[in-house]
């Protein structure tokens, strides 16, 4: 039983470490997904502005070859869209 618990703990820790160091998704791909989702979304004015601001920040970071931070902005915008 102890071996099973130890193996499960190791697998869990390995998963956390792997996801923490996973390569970011290319920001161009995330931007395409965001724009596709935005084109079909119905948002109120405040959410539409927030999504547009997050997209602009993400594009700025993407242009600076900072895919990791760009992806965070795009992911936050997707959350506002419910995706």
PDB file of N, CA and C in Angstrom:
ATOM      1  N   UNK A   1       0.817  -1.188   0.000  1.00  0.00           N
ATOM      2  CA  UNK A   1       0.000   0.000   0.000  1.00  0.00           C
ATOM      3  C   UNK A   1       0.863   1.255   0.000  1.00  0.00           C
ATOM      4  N   UNK A   2       1.942   1.248   0.786  1.00  0.00           N
ATOM      5  CA  UNK A   2       2.832   2.402   0.852  1.00  0.00           C
ATOM      6  C   UNK A   2       3.495   2.653  -0.503  1.00  0.00           C
ATOM      7  N   UNK A   3       3.826   1.578  -1.212  1.00  0.00           N
ATOM      8  CA  UNK A   3       4.459   1.727  -2.524  1.00  0.00           C
ATOM      9  C   UNK A   3       3.500   2.375  -3.518  1.00  0.00           C
ATOM     10  N   UNK A   4       2.220   2.029  -3.427  1.00  0.00           N
ATOM     11  CA  UNK A   4       1.218   2.608  -4.324  1.00  0.00           C
ATOM     12  C   UNK A   4       1.061   4.090  -4.037  1.00  0.00           C
ATOM     13  N   UNK A   5       0.984   4.456  -2.760  1.00  0.00           N
ATOM     14  CA  UNK A   5       0.861   5.863  -2.384  1.00  0.00           C
ATOM     15  C   UNK A   5       2.091   6.658  -2.807  1.00  0.00           C
ATOM     16  N   UNK A   6       3.259   6.078  -2.626  1.00  0.00           N
ATOM     17  CA  UNK A   6       4.497   6.744  -3.028  1.00  0.00           C
ATOM     18  C   UNK A   6       4.531   6.942  -4.539  1.00  0.00           C
ATOM     19  N   UNK A   7       4.126   5.921  -5.286  1.00  0.00           N
ATOM     20  CA  UNK A   7       4.104   6.028  -6.747  1.00  0.00           C
ATOM     21  C   UNK A   7       3.116   7.102  -7.192  1.00  0.00           C
ATOM     22  N   UNK A   8       1.967   7.190  -6.543  1.00  0.00           N
ATOM     23  CA  UNK A   8       0.971   8.207  -6.879  1.00  0.00           C
ATOM     24  C   UNK A   8       1.497   9.598  -6.571  1.00  0.00           C
ATOM     25  N   UNK A   9       2.183   9.740  -5.446  1.00  0.00           N
ATOM     26  CA  UNK A   9       2.749  11.043  -5.076  1.00  0.00           C
ATOM     27  C   UNK A   9       3.814  11.468  -6.075  1.00  0.00           C
ATOM     28  N   UNK A  10       4.658  10.548  -6.466  1.00  0.00           N
ATOM     29  CA  UNK A  10       5.707  10.863  -7.445  1.00  0.00           C
ATOM     30  C   UNK A  10       5.094  11.252  -8.783  1.00  0.00           C
ATOM     31  N   UNK A  11       4.080  10.532  -9.201  1.00  0.00           N
ATOM     32  CA  UNK A  11       3.414  10.851 -10.465  1.00  0.00           C
ATOM     33  C   UNK A  11       2.781  12.232 -10.415  1.00  0.00           C
ATOM     34  N   UNK A  12       2.181  12.575  -9.283  1.00  0.00           N
ATOM     35  CA  UNK A  12       1.556  13.892  -9.132  1.00  0.00           C
ATOM     36  C   UNK A  12       2.607  14.988  -9.181  1.00  0.00           C
ATOM     37  N   UNK A  13       3.677  14.828  -8.447  1.00  0.00           N
ATOM     38  CA  UNK A  13       4.746  15.834  -8.438  1.00  0.00           C
ATOM     39  C   UNK A  13       5.355  15.969  -9.825  1.00  0.00           C
ATOM     40  N   UNK A  14       5.586  14.868 -10.490  1.00  0.00           N
ATOM     41  CA  UNK A  14       6.149  14.902 -11.839  1.00  0.00           C
ATOM     42  C   UNK A  14       5.229  15.669 -12.782  1.00  0.00           C
ATOM     43  N   UNK A  15       3.928  15.463 -12.653  1.00  0.00           N
ATOM     44  CA  UNK A  15       2.967  16.181 -13.486  1.00  0.00           C
ATOM     45  C   UNK A  15       3.017  17.668 -13.250  1.00  0.00           C
ATOM     46  N   UNK A  16       3.110  18.087 -11.988  1.00  0.00           N
ATOM     47  CA  UNK A  16       3.185  19.505 -11.669  1.00  0.00           C
ATOM     48  C   UNK A  16       4.462  20.122 -12.221  1.00  0.00           C
ATOM     49  N   UNK A  17       5.574  19.437 -12.044  1.00  0.00           N
ATOM     50  CA  UNK A  17       6.848  19.957 -12.532  1.00  0.00           C
ATOM     51  C   UNK A  17       6.836  20.041 -14.056  1.00  0.00           C
ATOM     52  N   UNK A  18       6.312  19.013 -14.709  1.00  0.00           N
ATOM     53  CA  UNK A  18       6.270  19.003 -16.167  1.00  0.00           C
ATOM     54  C   UNK A  18       5.419  20.141 -16.703  1.00  0.00           C
ATOM     55  N   UNK A  19       4.256  20.368 -16.104  1.00  0.00           N
ATOM     56  CA  UNK A  19       3.386  21.432 -16.596  1.00  0.00           C
ATOM     57  C   UNK A  19       3.964  22.804 -16.296  1.00  0.00           C
ATOM     58  N   UNK A  20       4.723  22.933 -15.214  1.00  0.00           N
ATOM     59  CA  UNK A  20       5.319  24.222 -14.875  1.00  0.00           C
ATOM     60  C   UNK A  20       6.399  24.609 -15.871  1.00  0.00           C
ATOM     61  N   UNK A  21       7.066  23.621 -16.441  1.00  0.00           N
ATOM     62  CA  UNK A  21       8.151  23.896 -17.374  1.00  0.00           C
ATOM     63  C   UNK A  21       7.785  23.586 -18.823  1.00  0.00           C
ATOM     64  N   UNK A  22       6.510  23.373 -19.083  1.00  0.00           N
ATOM     65  CA  UNK A  22       6.078  23.072 -20.446  1.00  0.00           C
ATOM     66  C   UNK A  22       6.296  24.294 -21.333  1.00  0.00           C
ATOM     67  N   UNK A  23       6.621  24.040 -22.562  1.00  0.00           N
ATOM     68  CA  UNK A  23       6.833  25.134 -23.505  1.00  0.00           C
ATOM     69  C   UNK A  23       5.507  25.831 -23.776  1.00  0.00           C
ATOM     70  N   UNK A  24       5.546  27.160 -23.884  1.00  0.00           N
ATOM     71  CA  UNK A  24       4.297  27.874 -24.173  1.00  0.00           C
ATOM     72  C   UNK A  24       3.803  27.561 -25.586  1.00  0.00           C
ATOM     73  N   UNK A  25       2.509  27.717 -25.763  1.00  0.00           N
ATOM     74  CA  UNK A  25       1.911  27.556 -27.083  1.00  0.00           C
ATOM     75  C   UNK A  25       2.368  28.757 -27.916  1.00  0.00           C
ATOM     76  N   UNK A  26       2.669  28.584 -29.199  1.00  0.00           N
ATOM     77  CA  UNK A  26       3.031  29.752 -30.002  1.00  0.00           C
ATOM     78  C   UNK A  26       1.935  30.811 -29.893  1.00  0.00           C
ATOM     79  N   UNK A  27       2.346  32.039 -29.591  1.00  0.00           N
ATOM     80  CA  UNK A  27       1.352  33.080 -29.341  1.00  0.00           C
ATOM     81  C   UNK A  27       0.504  33.365 -30.581  1.00  0.00           C
ATOM     82  N   UNK A  28       1.049  33.135 -31.747  1.00  0.00           N
ATOM     83  CA  UNK A  28       0.267  33.339 -32.967  1.00  0.00           C
ATOM     84  C   UNK A  28      -0.926  32.387 -33.019  1.00  0.00           C
ATOM     85  N   UNK A  29      -0.721  31.157 -32.538  1.00  0.00           N
ATOM     86  CA  UNK A  29      -1.810  30.176 -32.499  1.00  0.00           C
ATOM     87  C   UNK A  29      -2.877  30.576 -31.485  1.00  0.00           C
ATOM     88  N   UNK A  30      -2.432  31.027 -30.320  1.00  0.00           N
ATOM     89  CA  UNK A  30      -3.386  31.475 -29.299  1.00  0.00           C
ATOM     90  C   UNK A  30      -4.162  32.694 -29.783  1.00  0.00           C
ATOM     91  N   UNK A  31      -3.495  33.589 -30.502  1.00  0.00           N
ATOM     92  CA  UNK A  31      -4.162  34.785 -31.011  1.00  0.00           C
ATOM     93  C   UNK A  31      -5.235  34.395 -32.024  1.00  0.00           C
ATOM     94  N   UNK A  32      -4.952  33.434 -32.884  1.00  0.00           N
ATOM     95  CA  UNK A  32      -5.951  32.959 -33.849  1.00  0.00           C
ATOM     96  C   UNK A  32      -7.173  32.402 -33.124  1.00  0.00           C
ATOM     97  N   UNK A  33      -6.934  31.594 -32.090  1.00  0.00           N
ATOM     98  CA  UNK A  33      -8.031  31.020 -31.307  1.00  0.00           C
ATOM     99  C   UNK A  33      -8.856  32.116 -30.651  1.00  0.00           C
ATOM    100  N   UNK A  34      -8.174  33.114 -30.090  1.00  0.00           N
ATOM    101  CA  UNK A  34      -8.874  34.211 -29.424  1.00  0.00           C
ATOM    102  C   UNK A  34      -9.726  34.987 -30.419  1.00  0.00           C
ATOM    103  N   UNK A  35      -9.170  35.309 -31.566  1.00  0.00           N
ATOM    104  CA  UNK A  35      -9.921  36.083 -32.551  1.00  0.00           C
ATOM    105  C   UNK A  35     -11.112  35.297 -33.095  1.00  0.00           C
ATOM    106  N   UNK A  36     -10.956  34.005 -33.262  1.00  0.00           N
ATOM    107  CA  UNK A  36     -12.071  33.167 -33.695  1.00  0.00           C
ATOM    108  C   UNK A  36     -13.170  33.170 -32.636  1.00  0.00           C
ATOM    109  N   UNK A  37     -12.782  33.013 -31.385  1.00  0.00           N
ATOM    110  CA  UNK A  37     -13.756  33.003 -30.295  1.00  0.00           C
ATOM    111  C   UNK A  37     -14.434  34.362 -30.146  1.00  0.00           C
ATOM    112  N   UNK A  38     -13.662  35.428 -30.308  1.00  0.00           N
ATOM    113  CA  UNK A  38     -14.212  36.778 -30.168  1.00  0.00           C
ATOM    114  C   UNK A  38     -15.217  37.085 -31.272  1.00  0.00           C
ATOM    115  N   UNK A  39     -14.950  36.606 -32.475  1.00  0.00           N
ATOM    116  CA  UNK A  39     -15.831  36.920 -33.598  1.00  0.00           C
ATOM    117  C   UNK A  39     -17.238  36.347 -33.430  1.00  0.00           C
ATOM    118  N   UNK A  40     -17.357  35.272 -32.665  1.00  0.00           N
ATOM    119  CA  UNK A  40     -18.674  34.650 -32.485  1.00  0.00           C
ATOM    120  C   UNK A  40     -19.273  34.918 -31.101  1.00  0.00           C
ATOM    121  N   UNK A  41     -18.594  35.739 -30.294  1.00  0.00           N
ATOM    122  CA  UNK A  41     -19.063  35.985 -28.927  1.00  0.00           C
ATOM    123  C   UNK A  41     -19.981  37.203 -28.864  1.00  0.00           C
ATOM    124  N   UNK A  42     -20.887  37.151 -27.925  1.00  0.00           N
ATOM    125  CA  UNK A  42     -21.740  38.289 -27.620  1.00  0.00           C
ATOM    126  C   UNK A  42     -21.338  38.797 -26.243  1.00  0.00           C
ATOM    127  N   UNK A  43     -20.747  39.988 -26.207  1.00  0.00           N
ATOM    128  CA  UNK A  43     -20.238  40.533 -24.956  1.00  0.00           C
ATOM    129  C   UNK A  43     -20.873  41.876 -24.652  1.00  0.00           C
ATOM    130  N   UNK A  44     -20.946  42.193 -23.367  1.00  0.00           N
ATOM    131  CA  UNK A  44     -21.360  43.546 -23.015  1.00  0.00           C
ATOM    132  C   UNK A  44     -20.171  44.477 -23.255  1.00  0.00           C
ATOM    133  N   UNK A  45     -20.385  45.772 -23.178  1.00  0.00           N
ATOM    134  CA  UNK A  45     -19.345  46.749 -23.527  1.00  0.00           C
ATOM    135  C   UNK A  45     -18.115  46.616 -22.635  1.00  0.00           C
ATOM    136  N   UNK A  46     -18.318  46.394 -21.351  1.00  0.00           N
ATOM    137  CA  UNK A  46     -17.186  46.293 -20.428  1.00  0.00           C
ATOM    138  C   UNK A  46     -16.323  45.070 -20.729  1.00  0.00           C
ATOM    139  N   UNK A  47     -16.972  43.925 -20.959  1.00  0.00           N
ATOM    140  CA  UNK A  47     -16.213  42.715 -21.277  1.00  0.00           C
ATOM    141  C   UNK A  47     -15.532  42.826 -22.631  1.00  0.00           C
ATOM    142  N   UNK A  48     -16.198  43.435 -23.603  1.00  0.00           N
ATOM    143  CA  UNK A  48     -15.594  43.614 -24.927  1.00  0.00           C
ATOM    144  C   UNK A  48     -14.345  44.470 -24.823  1.00  0.00           C
ATOM    145  N   UNK A  49     -14.394  45.521 -24.007  1.00  0.00           N
ATOM    146  CA  UNK A  49     -13.218  46.381 -23.819  1.00  0.00           C
ATOM    147  C   UNK A  49     -12.107  45.612 -23.120  1.00  0.00           C
ATOM    148  N   UNK A  50     -12.461  44.829 -22.094  1.00  0.00           N
ATOM    149  CA  UNK A  50     -11.460  44.053 -21.369  1.00  0.00           C
ATOM    150  C   UNK A  50     -10.785  43.038 -22.288  1.00  0.00           C
ATOM    151  N   UNK A  51     -11.564  42.374 -23.128  1.00  0.00           N
ATOM    152  CA  UNK A  51     -10.997  41.403 -24.077  1.00  0.00           C
ATOM    153  C   UNK A  51     -10.074  42.113 -25.064  1.00  0.00           C
ATOM    154  N   UNK A  52     -10.509  43.264 -25.574  1.00  0.00           N
ATOM    155  CA  UNK A  52      -9.688  44.018 -26.527  1.00  0.00           C
ATOM    156  C   UNK A  52      -8.385  44.476 -25.872  1.00  0.00           C
ATOM    157  N   UNK A  53      -8.452  44.917 -24.612  1.00  0.00           N
ATOM    158  CA  UNK A  53      -7.239  45.343 -23.904  1.00  0.00           C
ATOM    159  C   UNK A  53      -6.283  44.179 -23.688  1.00  0.00           C
ATOM    160  N   UNK A  54      -6.817  43.029 -23.280  1.00  0.00           N
ATOM    161  CA  UNK A  54      -5.976  41.850 -23.085  1.00  0.00           C
ATOM    162  C   UNK A  54      -5.363  41.385 -24.406  1.00  0.00           C
ATOM    163  N   UNK A  55      -6.149  41.459 -25.482  1.00  0.00           N
ATOM    164  CA  UNK A  55      -5.615  41.089 -26.795  1.00  0.00           C
ATOM    165  C   UNK A  55      -4.472  42.013 -27.182  1.00  0.00           C
ATOM    166  N   UNK A  56      -4.638  43.316 -26.969  1.00  0.00           N
ATOM    167  CA  UNK A  56      -3.591  44.283 -27.317  1.00  0.00           C
ATOM    168  C   UNK A  56      -2.315  44.022 -26.514  1.00  0.00           C
ATOM    169  N   UNK A  57      -2.467  43.750 -25.223  1.00  0.00           N
ATOM    170  CA  UNK A  57      -1.294  43.435 -24.394  1.00  0.00           C
ATOM    171  C   UNK A  57      -0.628  42.151 -24.867  1.00  0.00           C
ATOM    172  N   UNK A  58      -1.443  41.161 -25.213  1.00  0.00           N
ATOM    173  CA  UNK A  58      -0.899  39.907 -25.704  1.00  0.00           C
ATOM    174  C   UNK A  58      -0.156  40.072 -27.018  1.00  0.00           C
ATOM    175  N   UNK A  59      -0.713  40.869 -27.915  1.00  0.00           N
ATOM    176  CA  UNK A  59      -0.049  41.117 -29.203  1.00  0.00           C
ATOM    177  C   UNK A  59       1.284  41.829 -28.975  1.00  0.00           C
ATOM    178  N   UNK A  60       1.295  42.774 -28.042  1.00  0.00           N
ATOM    179  CA  UNK A  60       2.540  43.486 -27.726  1.00  0.00           C
ATOM    180  C   UNK A  60       3.608  42.517 -27.253  1.00  0.00           C
ATOM    181  N   UNK A  61       3.250  41.599 -26.341  1.00  0.00           N
ATOM    182  CA  UNK A  61       4.210  40.615 -25.836  1.00  0.00           C
ATOM    183  C   UNK A  61       4.589  39.618 -26.924  1.00  0.00           C
ATOM    184  N   UNK A  62       3.626  39.259 -27.766  1.00  0.00           N
ATOM    185  CA  UNK A  62       3.901  38.330 -28.863  1.00  0.00           C
ATOM    186  C   UNK A  62       4.918  38.936 -29.825  1.00  0.00           C
ATOM    187  N   UNK A  63       4.741  40.205 -30.136  1.00  0.00           N
ATOM    188  CA  UNK A  63       5.683  40.888 -31.031  1.00  0.00           C
ATOM    189  C   UNK A  63       7.075  40.994 -30.420  1.00  0.00           C
ATOM    190  N   UNK A  64       7.147  40.952 -29.093  1.00  0.00           N
ATOM    191  CA  UNK A  64       8.436  41.002 -28.401  1.00  0.00           C
ATOM    192  C   UNK A  64       9.013  39.596 -28.192  1.00  0.00           C
ATOM    193  N   UNK A  65       8.402  38.598 -28.835  1.00  0.00           N
ATOM    194  CA  UNK A  65       8.828  37.194 -28.711  1.00  0.00           C
ATOM    195  C   UNK A  65       8.771  36.697 -27.275  1.00  0.00           C
ATOM    196  N   UNK A  66       7.769  37.162 -26.542  1.00  0.00           N
ATOM    197  CA  UNK A  66       7.527  36.721 -25.170  1.00  0.00           C
ATOM    198  C   UNK A  66       6.240  35.899 -25.177  1.00  0.00           C
ATOM    199  N   UNK A  67       6.306  34.718 -25.797  1.00  0.00           N
ATOM    200  CA  UNK A  67       5.124  33.879 -25.970  1.00  0.00           C
ATOM    201  C   UNK A  67       4.474  33.503 -24.651  1.00  0.00           C
ATOM    202  N   UNK A  68       5.273  33.250 -23.638  1.00  0.00           N
ATOM    203  CA  UNK A  68       4.733  32.810 -22.357  1.00  0.00           C
ATOM    204  C   UNK A  68       3.804  33.873 -21.777  1.00  0.00           C
ATOM    205  N   UNK A  69       4.224  35.121 -21.734  1.00  0.00           N
ATOM    206  CA  UNK A  69       3.383  36.187 -21.180  1.00  0.00           C
ATOM    207  C   UNK A  69       2.231  36.516 -22.115  1.00  0.00           C
ATOM    208  N   UNK A  70       2.466  36.444 -23.421  1.00  0.00           N
ATOM    209  CA  UNK A  70       1.389  36.690 -24.377  1.00  0.00           C
ATOM    210  C   UNK A  70       0.275  35.666 -24.183  1.00  0.00           C
ATOM    211  N   UNK A  71       0.650  34.414 -24.008  1.00  0.00           N
ATOM    212  CA  UNK A  71      -0.335  33.351 -23.814  1.00  0.00           C
ATOM    213  C   UNK A  71      -1.178  33.586 -22.562  1.00  0.00           C
ATOM    214  N   UNK A  72      -0.583  34.161 -21.525  1.00  0.00           N
ATOM    215  CA  UNK A  72      -1.330  34.459 -20.299  1.00  0.00           C
ATOM    216  C   UNK A  72      -2.403  35.504 -20.594  1.00  0.00           C
ATOM    217  N   UNK A  73      -2.046  36.559 -21.318  1.00  0.00           N
ATOM    218  CA  UNK A  73      -3.030  37.585 -21.672  1.00  0.00           C
ATOM    219  C   UNK A  73      -4.146  36.987 -22.531  1.00  0.00           C
ATOM    220  N   UNK A  74      -3.776  36.185 -23.513  1.00  0.00           N
ATOM    221  CA  UNK A  74      -4.777  35.578 -24.389  1.00  0.00           C
ATOM    222  C   UNK A  74      -5.669  34.608 -23.603  1.00  0.00           C
ATOM    223  N   UNK A  75      -5.086  33.849 -22.678  1.00  0.00           N
ATOM    224  CA  UNK A  75      -5.873  32.916 -21.864  1.00  0.00           C
ATOM    225  C   UNK A  75      -6.856  33.677 -20.971  1.00  0.00           C
ATOM    226  N   UNK A  76      -6.420  34.796 -20.428  1.00  0.00           N
ATOM    227  CA  UNK A  76      -7.327  35.611 -19.604  1.00  0.00           C
ATOM    228  C   UNK A  76      -8.487  36.141 -20.437  1.00  0.00           C
ATOM    229  N   UNK A  77      -8.192  36.543 -21.656  1.00  0.00           N
ATOM    230  CA  UNK A  77      -9.262  37.020 -22.555  1.00  0.00           C
ATOM    231  C   UNK A  77     -10.214  35.878 -22.873  1.00  0.00           C
ATOM    232  N   UNK A  78      -9.694  34.683 -23.099  1.00  0.00           N
ATOM    233  CA  UNK A  78     -10.547  33.531 -23.387  1.00  0.00           C
ATOM    234  C   UNK A  78     -11.458  33.219 -22.201  1.00  0.00           C
ATOM    235  N   UNK A  79     -10.972  33.405 -20.986  1.00  0.00           N
ATOM    236  CA  UNK A  79     -11.791  33.171 -19.792  1.00  0.00           C
ATOM    237  C   UNK A  79     -12.982  34.132 -19.788  1.00  0.00           C
ATOM    238  N   UNK A  80     -12.728  35.378 -20.173  1.00  0.00           N
ATOM    239  CA  UNK A  80     -13.827  36.343 -20.236  1.00  0.00           C
ATOM    240  C   UNK A  80     -14.866  35.933 -21.277  1.00  0.00           C
ATOM    241  N   UNK A  81     -14.398  35.241 -22.307  1.00  0.00           N
ATOM    242  CA  UNK A  81     -15.305  34.773 -23.357  1.00  0.00           C
ATOM    243  C   UNK A  81     -15.997  33.465 -22.956  1.00  0.00           C
ATOM    244  N   UNK A  82     -15.587  32.915 -21.822  1.00  0.00           N
ATOM    245  CA  UNK A  82     -16.181  31.654 -21.382  1.00  0.00           C
ATOM    246  C   UNK A  82     -15.590  30.447 -22.061  1.00  0.00           C
ATOM    247  N   UNK A  83     -14.412  30.567 -22.587  1.00  0.00           N
ATOM    248  CA  UNK A  83     -13.738  29.452 -23.294  1.00  0.00           C
ATOM    249  C   UNK A  83     -12.636  28.879 -22.450  1.00  0.00           C
TER     250      UNK A  83
END
